[in-house]
PDB file of N, CA and C in Angstrom:
ATOM      1  N   UNK A   1      67.387 104.763 139.215  1.00  0.00           N
ATOM      2  CA  UNK A   1      67.014 103.884 138.657  1.00  0.00           C
ATOM      3  C   UNK A   1      66.663 102.927 140.031  1.00  0.00           C
ATOM      4  N   UNK A   2      66.322 102.055 139.774  1.00  0.00           N
ATOM      5  CA  UNK A   2      65.964 101.029 140.442  1.00  0.00           C
ATOM      6  C   UNK A   2      66.993  99.586 140.844  1.00  0.00           C
ATOM      7  N   UNK A   3      67.730  99.416 141.811  1.00  0.00           N
ATOM      8  CA  UNK A   3      68.921  98.538 142.407  1.00  0.00           C
ATOM      9  C   UNK A   3      68.010  97.429 142.802  1.00  0.00           C
ATOM     10  N   UNK A   4      67.167  96.904 142.378  1.00  0.00           N
ATOM     11  CA  UNK A   4      66.478  95.672 142.413  1.00  0.00           C
ATOM     12  C   UNK A   4      65.687  95.068 141.594  1.00  0.00           C
ATOM     13  N   UNK A   5      66.391  95.774 140.204  1.00  0.00           N
ATOM     14  CA  UNK A   5      66.135  95.222 138.849  1.00  0.00           C
ATOM     15  C   UNK A   5      67.114  93.534 138.778  1.00  0.00           C
ATOM     16  N   UNK A   6      66.364  92.739 138.129  1.00  0.00           N
ATOM     17  CA  UNK A   6      67.361  91.360 137.835  1.00  0.00           C
ATOM     18  C   UNK A   6      67.651  91.324 136.655  1.00  0.00           C
ATOM     19  N   UNK A   7      69.406  90.316 136.258  1.00  0.00           N
ATOM     20  CA  UNK A   7      69.578  90.263 135.139  1.00  0.00           C
ATOM     21  C   UNK A   7      68.984  90.400 133.998  1.00  0.00           C
ATOM     22  N   UNK A   8      68.233  89.608 134.002  1.00  0.00           N
ATOM     23  CA  UNK A   8      67.409  89.840 133.093  1.00  0.00           C
ATOM     24  C   UNK A   8      66.454  91.105 132.605  1.00  0.00           C
ATOM     25  N   UNK A   9      66.263  92.077 133.535  1.00  0.00           N
ATOM     26  CA  UNK A   9      65.408  93.148 133.384  1.00  0.00           C
ATOM     27  C   UNK A   9      66.256  94.262 132.732  1.00  0.00           C
ATOM     28  N   UNK A  10      67.619  93.924 133.624  1.00  0.00           N
ATOM     29  CA  UNK A  10      69.311  94.712 132.995  1.00  0.00           C
ATOM     30  C   UNK A  10      69.147  94.476 131.582  1.00  0.00           C
ATOM     31  N   UNK A  11      69.051  93.447 131.351  1.00  0.00           N
ATOM     32  CA  UNK A  11      69.645  93.099 129.945  1.00  0.00           C
ATOM     33  C   UNK A  11      68.545  93.218 128.987  1.00  0.00           C
ATOM     34  N   UNK A  12      67.228  93.179 129.104  1.00  0.00           N
ATOM     35  CA  UNK A  12      66.494  93.781 128.255  1.00  0.00           C
ATOM     36  C   UNK A  12      66.510  95.283 128.282  1.00  0.00           C
ATOM     37  N   UNK A  13      66.605  96.026 128.917  1.00  0.00           N
ATOM     38  CA  UNK A  13      66.512  97.929 129.570  1.00  0.00           C
ATOM     39  C   UNK A  13      67.948  97.774 128.075  1.00  0.00           C
ATOM     40  N   UNK A  14      68.941  97.563 128.189  1.00  0.00           N
ATOM     41  CA  UNK A  14      70.136  97.242 127.344  1.00  0.00           C
ATOM     42  C   UNK A  14      69.714  97.446 126.047  1.00  0.00           C
ATOM     43  N   UNK A  15      69.419  96.131 125.834  1.00  0.00           N
ATOM     44  CA  UNK A  15      69.084  95.661 124.532  1.00  0.00           C
ATOM     45  C   UNK A  15      68.247  96.957 123.986  1.00  0.00           C
ATOM     46  N   UNK A  16      67.240  97.348 124.837  1.00  0.00           N
ATOM     47  CA  UNK A  16      66.072  98.496 123.971  1.00  0.00           C
ATOM     48  C   UNK A  16      66.832  99.339 124.008  1.00  0.00           C
ATOM     49  N   UNK A  17      67.498 100.037 124.857  1.00  0.00           N
ATOM     50  CA  UNK A  17      68.720 101.197 124.528  1.00  0.00           C
ATOM     51  C   UNK A  17      69.438 101.088 123.482  1.00  0.00           C
ATOM     52  N   UNK A  18      69.912 100.161 122.918  1.00  0.00           N
ATOM     53  CA  UNK A  18      70.888 100.024 122.147  1.00  0.00           C
ATOM     54  C   UNK A  18      70.331  99.782 120.729  1.00  0.00           C
ATOM     55  N   UNK A  19      68.415  98.837 120.209  1.00  0.00           N
ATOM     56  CA  UNK A  19      67.943  99.315 119.303  1.00  0.00           C
ATOM     57  C   UNK A  19      67.672 100.680 119.286  1.00  0.00           C
ATOM     58  N   UNK A  20      67.443 101.782 120.532  1.00  0.00           N
ATOM     59  CA  UNK A  20      67.290 102.844 120.444  1.00  0.00           C
ATOM     60  C   UNK A  20      68.301 103.827 120.104  1.00  0.00           C
ATOM     61  N   UNK A  21      69.282 103.452 120.244  1.00  0.00           N
ATOM     62  CA  UNK A  21      70.763 103.749 119.732  1.00  0.00           C
ATOM     63  C   UNK A  21      70.950 103.903 118.256  1.00  0.00           C
ATOM     64  N   UNK A  22      70.579 102.508 117.387  1.00  0.00           N
ATOM     65  CA  UNK A  22      70.733 102.390 116.375  1.00  0.00           C
ATOM     66  C   UNK A  22      69.905 102.901 115.463  1.00  0.00           C
ATOM     67  N   UNK A  23      68.379 103.069 115.813  1.00  0.00           N
ATOM     68  CA  UNK A  23      67.469 103.792 115.165  1.00  0.00           C
ATOM     69  C   UNK A  23      67.586 105.155 115.061  1.00  0.00           C
ATOM     70  N   UNK A  24      68.606 106.005 116.168  1.00  0.00           N
ATOM     71  CA  UNK A  24      68.870 107.615 116.083  1.00  0.00           C
ATOM     72  C   UNK A  24      70.128 107.653 115.407  1.00  0.00           C
ATOM     73  N   UNK A  25      71.097 106.409 115.021  1.00  0.00           N
ATOM     74  CA  UNK A  25      71.952 106.641 114.183  1.00  0.00           C
ATOM     75  C   UNK A  25      72.020 106.382 112.738  1.00  0.00           C
ATOM     76  N   UNK A  26      70.542 105.537 112.844  1.00  0.00           N
ATOM     77  CA  UNK A  26      70.312 105.253 111.029  1.00  0.00           C
ATOM     78  C   UNK A  26      69.801 106.924 110.570  1.00  0.00           C
ATOM     79  N   UNK A  27      68.765 107.495 111.670  1.00  0.00           N
ATOM     80  CA  UNK A  27      68.452 107.940 111.018  1.00  0.00           C
ATOM     81  C   UNK A  27      69.221 109.519 110.829  1.00  0.00           C
ATOM     82  N   UNK A  28      69.736 109.874 111.739  1.00  0.00           N
ATOM     83  CA  UNK A  28      70.871 110.928 111.799  1.00  0.00           C
ATOM     84  C   UNK A  28      71.782 110.706 110.551  1.00  0.00           C
ATOM     85  N   UNK A  29      72.629 109.413 110.703  1.00  0.00           N
ATOM     86  CA  UNK A  29      72.875 108.963 109.246  1.00  0.00           C
ATOM     87  C   UNK A  29      72.194 109.513 107.965  1.00  0.00           C
ATOM     88  N   UNK A  30      71.343 109.132 107.763  1.00  0.00           N
ATOM     89  CA  UNK A  30      70.580 109.543 106.663  1.00  0.00           C
ATOM     90  C   UNK A  30      70.103 111.142 106.335  1.00  0.00           C
ATOM     91  N   UNK A  31      69.747 111.828 107.090  1.00  0.00           N
ATOM     92  CA  UNK A  31      69.835 113.360 107.339  1.00  0.00           C
ATOM     93  C   UNK A  31      71.158 113.943 106.825  1.00  0.00           C
ATOM     94  N   UNK A  32      72.774 113.449 107.622  1.00  0.00           N
ATOM     95  CA  UNK A  32      73.927 114.016 106.925  1.00  0.00           C
ATOM     96  C   UNK A  32      74.126 113.444 105.648  1.00  0.00           C
ATOM     97  N   UNK A  33      73.786 112.688 105.195  1.00  0.00           N
ATOM     98  CA  UNK A  33      74.343 111.893 103.809  1.00  0.00           C
ATOM     99  C   UNK A  33      73.414 113.108 102.886  1.00  0.00           C
ATOM    100  N   UNK A  34      72.113 113.168 103.382  1.00  0.00           N
ATOM    101  CA  UNK A  34      71.042 114.138 102.344  1.00  0.00           C
ATOM    102  C   UNK A  34      71.461 115.282 102.140  1.00  0.00           C
ATOM    103  N   UNK A  35      72.472 115.863 103.752  1.00  0.00           N
ATOM    104  CA  UNK A  35      72.701 117.400 103.401  1.00  0.00           C
ATOM    105  C   UNK A  35      74.421 117.111 102.229  1.00  0.00           C
ATOM    106  N   UNK A  36      75.434 115.931 102.702  1.00  0.00           N
ATOM    107  CA  UNK A  36      76.371 116.211 101.875  1.00  0.00           C
ATOM    108  C   UNK A  36      75.939 116.192 100.709  1.00  0.00           C
ATOM    109  N   UNK A  37      75.049 115.523 100.143  1.00  0.00           N
ATOM    110  CA  UNK A  37      74.441 115.227  98.997  1.00  0.00           C
ATOM    111  C   UNK A  37      74.252 116.415  97.809  1.00  0.00           C
ATOM    112  N   UNK A  38      73.577 117.375  98.969  1.00  0.00           N
ATOM    113  CA  UNK A  38      72.665 118.412  98.334  1.00  0.00           C
ATOM    114  C   UNK A  38      73.909 119.505  98.308  1.00  0.00           C
ATOM    115  N   UNK A  39      74.978 119.487  99.200  1.00  0.00           N
ATOM    116  CA  UNK A  39      76.256 120.735  99.006  1.00  0.00           C
ATOM    117  C   UNK A  39      76.954 120.242  97.936  1.00  0.00           C
ATOM    118  N   UNK A  40      77.374 118.544  97.601  1.00  0.00           N
ATOM    119  CA  UNK A  40      77.754 118.529  96.638  1.00  0.00           C
ATOM    120  C   UNK A  40      77.605 118.827  95.130  1.00  0.00           C
ATOM    121  N   UNK A  41      76.112 118.519  95.029  1.00  0.00           N
ATOM    122  CA  UNK A  41      75.560 119.068  93.749  1.00  0.00           C
ATOM    123  C   UNK A  41      75.211 120.493  94.063  1.00  0.00           C
ATOM    124  N   UNK A  42      75.080 121.370  94.858  1.00  0.00           N
ATOM    125  CA  UNK A  42      75.153 122.934  95.215  1.00  0.00           C
ATOM    126  C   UNK A  42      76.058 123.315  94.624  1.00  0.00           C
ATOM    127  N   UNK A  43      77.565 122.693  94.775  1.00  0.00           N
ATOM    128  CA  UNK A  43      78.741 123.490  94.740  1.00  0.00           C
ATOM    129  C   UNK A  43      79.035 122.603  93.469  1.00  0.00           C
ATOM    130  N   UNK A  44      78.795 121.609  92.268  1.00  0.00           N
ATOM    131  CA  UNK A  44      79.130 121.052  91.634  1.00  0.00           C
ATOM    132  C   UNK A  44      80.544 120.589  91.994  1.00  0.00           C
ATOM    133  N   UNK A  45      80.700 119.588  93.210  1.00  0.00           N
ATOM    134  CA  UNK A  45      82.065 119.209  93.611  1.00  0.00           C
ATOM    135  C   UNK A  45      82.223 117.783  93.056  1.00  0.00           C
ATOM    136  N   UNK A  46      83.663 117.198  92.509  1.00  0.00           N
ATOM    137  CA  UNK A  46      83.868 115.892  91.929  1.00  0.00           C
ATOM    138  C   UNK A  46      84.380 115.331  92.822  1.00  0.00           C
ATOM    139  N   UNK A  47      84.572 113.795  92.906  1.00  0.00           N
ATOM    140  CA  UNK A  47      84.961 112.900  93.736  1.00  0.00           C
ATOM    141  C   UNK A  47      86.514 113.537  94.144  1.00  0.00           C
ATOM    142  N   UNK A  48      87.249 113.769  93.198  1.00  0.00           N
ATOM    143  CA  UNK A  48      88.640 114.788  93.555  1.00  0.00           C
ATOM    144  C   UNK A  48      89.131 115.900  93.939  1.00  0.00           C
ATOM    145  N   UNK A  49      87.934 116.413  94.097  1.00  0.00           N
ATOM    146  CA  UNK A  49      87.680 118.292  95.031  1.00  0.00           C
ATOM    147  C   UNK A  49      87.783 117.509  96.711  1.00  0.00           C
ATOM    148  N   UNK A  50      86.871 116.169  96.710  1.00  0.00           N
ATOM    149  CA  UNK A  50      86.551 116.119  97.853  1.00  0.00           C
ATOM    150  C   UNK A  50      87.517 115.051  98.646  1.00  0.00           C
ATOM    151  N   UNK A  51      88.235 114.055  97.535  1.00  0.00           N
ATOM    152  CA  UNK A  51      88.865 112.915  98.287  1.00  0.00           C
ATOM    153  C   UNK A  51      90.654 113.646  97.715  1.00  0.00           C
ATOM    154  N   UNK A  52      91.298 114.069  96.853  1.00  0.00           N
ATOM    155  CA  UNK A  52      92.200 114.693  95.867  1.00  0.00           C
ATOM    156  C   UNK A  52      92.266 113.664  94.905  1.00  0.00           C
ATOM    157  N   UNK A  53      93.525 113.792  94.212  1.00  0.00           N
ATOM    158  CA  UNK A  53      93.699 112.622  93.257  1.00  0.00           C
ATOM    159  C   UNK A  53      94.001 111.866  94.076  1.00  0.00           C
ATOM    160  N   UNK A  54      93.914 110.308  93.641  1.00  0.00           N
ATOM    161  CA  UNK A  54      94.581 108.741  94.191  1.00  0.00           C
ATOM    162  C   UNK A  54      95.345 108.944  92.935  1.00  0.00           C
ATOM    163  N   UNK A  55      96.548 108.439  93.722  1.00  0.00           N
ATOM    164  CA  UNK A  55      97.789 107.854  93.049  1.00  0.00           C
ATOM    165  C   UNK A  55      97.175 106.906  92.060  1.00  0.00           C
ATOM    166  N   UNK A  56      97.857 106.678  90.408  1.00  0.00           N
ATOM    167  CA  UNK A  56      97.682 105.645  89.900  1.00  0.00           C
ATOM    168  C   UNK A  56      98.440 104.625  90.157  1.00  0.00           C
ATOM    169  N   UNK A  57      97.487 103.676  90.145  1.00  0.00           N
ATOM    170  CA  UNK A  57      98.092 102.262  90.962  1.00  0.00           C
ATOM    171  C   UNK A  57      98.837 101.763  89.249  1.00  0.00           C
ATOM    172  N   UNK A  58      99.792 102.317  88.971  1.00  0.00           N
ATOM    173  CA  UNK A  58     100.309 101.798  87.572  1.00  0.00           C
ATOM    174  C   UNK A  58     101.068 100.819  87.627  1.00  0.00           C
ATOM    175  N   UNK A  59     102.082 100.469  86.622  1.00  0.00           N
ATOM    176  CA  UNK A  59     103.165  99.047  87.268  1.00  0.00           C
ATOM    177  C   UNK A  59     104.495  99.564  87.230  1.00  0.00           C
ATOM    178  N   UNK A  60     104.394  98.741  88.566  1.00  0.00           N
ATOM    179  CA  UNK A  60     105.880  99.030  89.251  1.00  0.00           C
ATOM    180  C   UNK A  60     106.785  98.819  87.956  1.00  0.00           C
ATOM    181  N   UNK A  61     108.051  99.587  88.535  1.00  0.00           N
ATOM    182  CA  UNK A  61     109.479  99.560  87.457  1.00  0.00           C
ATOM    183  C   UNK A  61     109.846  98.017  87.579  1.00  0.00           C
ATOM    184  N   UNK A  62     110.157  97.498  86.560  1.00  0.00           N
ATOM    185  CA  UNK A  62     110.616  96.117  86.698  1.00  0.00           C
ATOM    186  C   UNK A  62     111.792  96.042  87.902  1.00  0.00           C
ATOM    187  N   UNK A  63     112.137  94.629  88.467  1.00  0.00           N
ATOM    188  CA  UNK A  63     113.445  94.856  89.442  1.00  0.00           C
ATOM    189  C   UNK A  63     114.465  94.226  87.890  1.00  0.00           C
ATOM    190  N   UNK A  64     115.819  95.135  88.548  1.00  0.00           N
ATOM    191  CA  UNK A  64     116.833  95.243  87.455  1.00  0.00           C
ATOM    192  C   UNK A  64     117.734  93.829  87.990  1.00  0.00           C
ATOM    193  N   UNK A  65     118.080  93.259  86.800  1.00  0.00           N
ATOM    194  CA  UNK A  65     119.169  92.129  87.310  1.00  0.00           C
ATOM    195  C   UNK A  65     120.528  92.346  87.006  1.00  0.00           C
ATOM    196  N   UNK A  66     121.371  92.444  88.139  1.00  0.00           N
ATOM    197  CA  UNK A  66     122.746  93.125  87.545  1.00  0.00           C
ATOM    198  C   UNK A  66     123.829  91.420  87.388  1.00  0.00           C
ATOM    199  N   UNK A  67     123.203  90.235  88.041  1.00  0.00           N
ATOM    200  CA  UNK A  67     124.314  89.013  88.091  1.00  0.00           C
ATOM    201  C   UNK A  67     123.288  88.020  87.537  1.00  0.00           C
ATOM    202  N   UNK A  68     123.788  87.446  86.229  1.00  0.00           N
ATOM    203  CA  UNK A  68     122.867  86.429  85.937  1.00  0.00           C
ATOM    204  C   UNK A  68     123.360  85.183  85.782  1.00  0.00           C
ATOM    205  N   UNK A  69     123.129  83.849  85.902  1.00  0.00           N
ATOM    206  CA  UNK A  69     124.109  83.115  85.674  1.00  0.00           C
ATOM    207  C   UNK A  69     123.218  81.946  84.466  1.00  0.00           C
ATOM    208  N   UNK A  70     123.643  82.022  83.264  1.00  0.00           N
ATOM    209  CA  UNK A  70     122.583  81.296  82.369  1.00  0.00           C
ATOM    210  C   UNK A  70     122.763  80.428  82.484  1.00  0.00           C
ATOM    211  N   UNK A  71     123.846  79.370  83.027  1.00  0.00           N
ATOM    212  CA  UNK A  71     124.047  77.857  83.043  1.00  0.00           C
ATOM    213  C   UNK A  71     122.712  77.940  83.786  1.00  0.00           C
ATOM    214  N   UNK A  72     122.537  77.900  85.125  1.00  0.00           N
ATOM    215  CA  UNK A  72     121.750  77.432  86.497  1.00  0.00           C
ATOM    216  C   UNK A  72     120.485  78.512  86.220  1.00  0.00           C
ATOM    217  N   UNK A  73     120.253  79.864  85.290  1.00  0.00           N
ATOM    218  CA  UNK A  73     119.024  80.491  84.880  1.00  0.00           C
ATOM    219  C   UNK A  73     118.946  81.509  86.905  1.00  0.00           C
ATOM    220  N   UNK A  74     120.075  81.354  87.735  1.00  0.00           N
ATOM    221  CA  UNK A  74     120.293  81.796  88.950  1.00  0.00           C
ATOM    222  C   UNK A  74     120.461  83.168  88.667  1.00  0.00           C
ATOM    223  N   UNK A  75     119.370  84.505  89.157  1.00  0.00           N
ATOM    224  CA  UNK A  75     119.542  85.746  88.883  1.00  0.00           C
ATOM    225  C   UNK A  75     119.616  86.797  90.513  1.00  0.00           C
ATOM    226  N   UNK A  76     120.668  87.900  90.218  1.00  0.00           N
ATOM    227  CA  UNK A  76     120.888  88.630  91.633  1.00  0.00           C
ATOM    228  C   UNK A  76     120.086  89.996  91.190  1.00  0.00           C
ATOM    229  N   UNK A  77     120.290  90.771  92.105  1.00  0.00           N
ATOM    230  CA  UNK A  77     119.886  91.867  91.453  1.00  0.00           C
ATOM    231  C   UNK A  77     120.724  93.346  92.144  1.00  0.00           C
ATOM    232  N   UNK A  78     121.525  92.727  93.099  1.00  0.00           N
ATOM    233  CA  UNK A  78     123.025  93.070  93.459  1.00  0.00           C
ATOM    234  C   UNK A  78     122.656  93.857  94.998  1.00  0.00           C
ATOM    235  N   UNK A  79     121.169  93.625  95.239  1.00  0.00           N
ATOM    236  CA  UNK A  79     121.025  94.052  96.502  1.00  0.00           C
ATOM    237  C   UNK A  79     120.501  92.761  97.637  1.00  0.00           C
ATOM    238  N   UNK A  80     120.476  93.277  98.818  1.00  0.00           N
ATOM    239  CA  UNK A  80     120.399  91.972  99.435  1.00  0.00           C
ATOM    240  C   UNK A  80     120.936  91.117 100.007  1.00  0.00           C
ATOM    241  N   UNK A  81     120.499  89.741 100.019  1.00  0.00           N
ATOM    242  CA  UNK A  81     121.597  88.694  99.872  1.00  0.00           C
ATOM    243  C   UNK A  81     121.820  88.159  98.902  1.00  0.00           C
ATOM    244  N   UNK A  82     122.854  87.417  98.762  1.00  0.00           N
ATOM    245  CA  UNK A  82     123.088  86.842  97.557  1.00  0.00           C
ATOM    246  C   UNK A  82     122.783  85.652  97.861  1.00  0.00           C
ATOM    247  N   UNK A  83     122.216  84.680  96.888  1.00  0.00           N
ATOM    248  CA  UNK A  83     122.050  83.756  96.028  1.00  0.00           C
ATOM    249  C   UNK A  83     123.042  82.422  96.664  1.00  0.00           C
ATOM    250  N   UNK A  84     122.366  81.211  97.454  1.00  0.00           N
ATOM    251  CA  UNK A  84     123.309  80.681  97.597  1.00  0.00           C
ATOM    252  C   UNK A  84     124.716  79.795  96.690  1.00  0.00           C
ATOM    253  N   UNK A  85     124.307  80.044  95.583  1.00  0.00           N
ATOM    254  CA  UNK A  85     125.226  80.283  94.285  1.00  0.00           C
ATOM    255  C   UNK A  85     126.237  80.934  94.226  1.00  0.00           C
ATOM    256  N   UNK A  86     126.003  82.320  94.952  1.00  0.00           N
ATOM    257  CA  UNK A  86     127.313  83.451  94.212  1.00  0.00           C
ATOM    258  C   UNK A  86     127.435  83.688  95.915  1.00  0.00           C
ATOM    259  N   UNK A  87     127.267  83.235  96.954  1.00  0.00           N
ATOM    260  CA  UNK A  87     127.826  83.757  98.626  1.00  0.00           C
ATOM    261  C   UNK A  87     128.983  83.164  98.207  1.00  0.00           C
ATOM    262  N   UNK A  88     129.888  81.954  97.972  1.00  0.00           N
ATOM    263  CA  UNK A  88     131.225  81.874  98.075  1.00  0.00           C
ATOM    264  C   UNK A  88     132.399  82.453  97.054  1.00  0.00           C
ATOM    265  N   UNK A  89     131.598  83.197  96.041  1.00  0.00           N
ATOM    266  CA  UNK A  89     132.479  83.695  94.768  1.00  0.00           C
ATOM    267  C   UNK A  89     133.523  84.807  95.289  1.00  0.00           C
ATOM    268  N   UNK A  90     134.818  84.911  95.100  1.00  0.00           N
ATOM    269  CA  UNK A  90     135.409  86.373  95.376  1.00  0.00           C
ATOM    270  C   UNK A  90     134.417  87.068  94.057  1.00  0.00           C
ATOM    271  N   UNK A  91     134.882  88.430  94.340  1.00  0.00           N
ATOM    272  CA  UNK A  91     134.303  89.564  93.605  1.00  0.00           C
ATOM    273  C   UNK A  91     134.832  89.446  92.154  1.00  0.00           C
ATOM    274  N   UNK A  92     136.177  88.602  92.060  1.00  0.00           N
ATOM    275  CA  UNK A  92     136.368  88.557  90.623  1.00  0.00           C
ATOM    276  C   UNK A  92     135.638  87.538  89.357  1.00  0.00           C
ATOM    277  N   UNK A  93     135.281  86.568  90.399  1.00  0.00           N
ATOM    278  CA  UNK A  93     134.145  85.412  89.547  1.00  0.00           C
ATOM    279  C   UNK A  93     132.666  85.441  89.431  1.00  0.00           C
ATOM    280  N   UNK A  94     132.185  86.658  90.557  1.00  0.00           N
ATOM    281  CA  UNK A  94     131.221  87.343  90.769  1.00  0.00           C
ATOM    282  C   UNK A  94     130.634  88.343  89.576  1.00  0.00           C
ATOM    283  N   UNK A  95     132.046  88.972  88.897  1.00  0.00           N
ATOM    284  CA  UNK A  95     131.860  89.721  88.012  1.00  0.00           C
ATOM    285  C   UNK A  95     132.048  88.979  86.707  1.00  0.00           C
ATOM    286  N   UNK A  96     132.167  87.968  86.543  1.00  0.00           N
ATOM    287  CA  UNK A  96     131.950  86.875  85.329  1.00  0.00           C
ATOM    288  C   UNK A  96     130.279  86.696  84.941  1.00  0.00           C
ATOM    289  N   UNK A  97     129.326  87.227  86.015  1.00  0.00           N
ATOM    290  CA  UNK A  97     127.878  86.882  85.880  1.00  0.00           C
ATOM    291  C   UNK A  97     127.327  88.222  85.641  1.00  0.00           C
ATOM    292  N   UNK A  98     128.099  89.599  85.722  1.00  0.00           N
ATOM    293  CA  UNK A  98     128.016  90.658  85.611  1.00  0.00           C
ATOM    294  C   UNK A  98     127.034  90.857  84.329  1.00  0.00           C
ATOM    295  N   UNK A  99     125.567  91.597  83.978  1.00  0.00           N
ATOM    296  CA  UNK A  99     124.931  92.027  83.061  1.00  0.00           C
ATOM    297  C   UNK A  99     125.456  93.850  83.099  1.00  0.00           C
ATOM    298  N   UNK A 100     125.827  94.117  81.936  1.00  0.00           N
ATOM    299  CA  UNK A 100     126.264  95.336  82.038  1.00  0.00           C
ATOM    300  C   UNK A 100     125.654  96.112  80.232  1.00  0.00           C
ATOM    301  N   UNK A 101     124.850  96.699  80.338  1.00  0.00           N
ATOM    302  CA  UNK A 101     123.811  97.369  81.246  1.00  0.00           C
ATOM    303  C   UNK A 101     122.732  95.986  82.215  1.00  0.00           C
ATOM    304  N   UNK A 102     122.518  96.259  83.514  1.00  0.00           N
ATOM    305  CA  UNK A 102     121.368  95.396  83.911  1.00  0.00           C
ATOM    306  C   UNK A 102     120.119  95.330  83.139  1.00  0.00           C
ATOM    307  N   UNK A 103     119.718  94.376  83.469  1.00  0.00           N
ATOM    308  CA  UNK A 103     118.509  93.879  82.608  1.00  0.00           C
ATOM    309  C   UNK A 103     116.992  93.804  83.517  1.00  0.00           C
ATOM    310  N   UNK A 104     115.851  94.125  82.697  1.00  0.00           N
ATOM    311  CA  UNK A 104     114.800  93.874  83.705  1.00  0.00           C
ATOM    312  C   UNK A 104     114.553  92.457  84.030  1.00  0.00           C
ATOM    313  N   UNK A 105     114.160  91.955  85.179  1.00  0.00           N
ATOM    314  CA  UNK A 105     113.991  90.547  85.258  1.00  0.00           C
ATOM    315  C   UNK A 105     112.469  89.495  84.676  1.00  0.00           C
ATOM    316  N   UNK A 106     111.719  90.624  83.992  1.00  0.00           N
ATOM    317  CA  UNK A 106     110.864  90.047  83.277  1.00  0.00           C
ATOM    318  C   UNK A 106     111.472  89.651  82.014  1.00  0.00           C
ATOM    319  N   UNK A 107     112.407  90.135  81.671  1.00  0.00           N
ATOM    320  CA  UNK A 107     113.241  89.826  80.152  1.00  0.00           C
ATOM    321  C   UNK A 107     113.817  88.985  80.092  1.00  0.00           C
ATOM    322  N   UNK A 108     114.156  88.508  81.381  1.00  0.00           N
ATOM    323  CA  UNK A 108     115.083  87.039  81.725  1.00  0.00           C
ATOM    324  C   UNK A 108     114.355  85.757  81.511  1.00  0.00           C
ATOM    325  N   UNK A 109     112.902  86.109  81.539  1.00  0.00           N
ATOM    326  CA  UNK A 109     112.279  84.324  81.274  1.00  0.00           C
ATOM    327  C   UNK A 109     112.321  83.759  80.118  1.00  0.00           C
TER     328      UNK A 109
END
């Protein structure tokens, strides 16, 4: 390489090389894609053969509420931090709000 190139000339060379790179990648990508499609067709492959069985994104199980203050509409699943309304209650006082069996949160609304 010539060490006496100006910055502008170097930038032009870089731009040309990058364009050449993109062209080669694009052509190669098309060839590879055609090969893949051919093999899929030839062997009768399905999407699940290639990617496996995707987990169904079904509905989540509803959060089960174990403690519920009907007067104020405050609920707690019994896990994690207690709501402020339940924090200072003794275990006996908390048991007054216990739902047995626990109820799905969406049923309380």
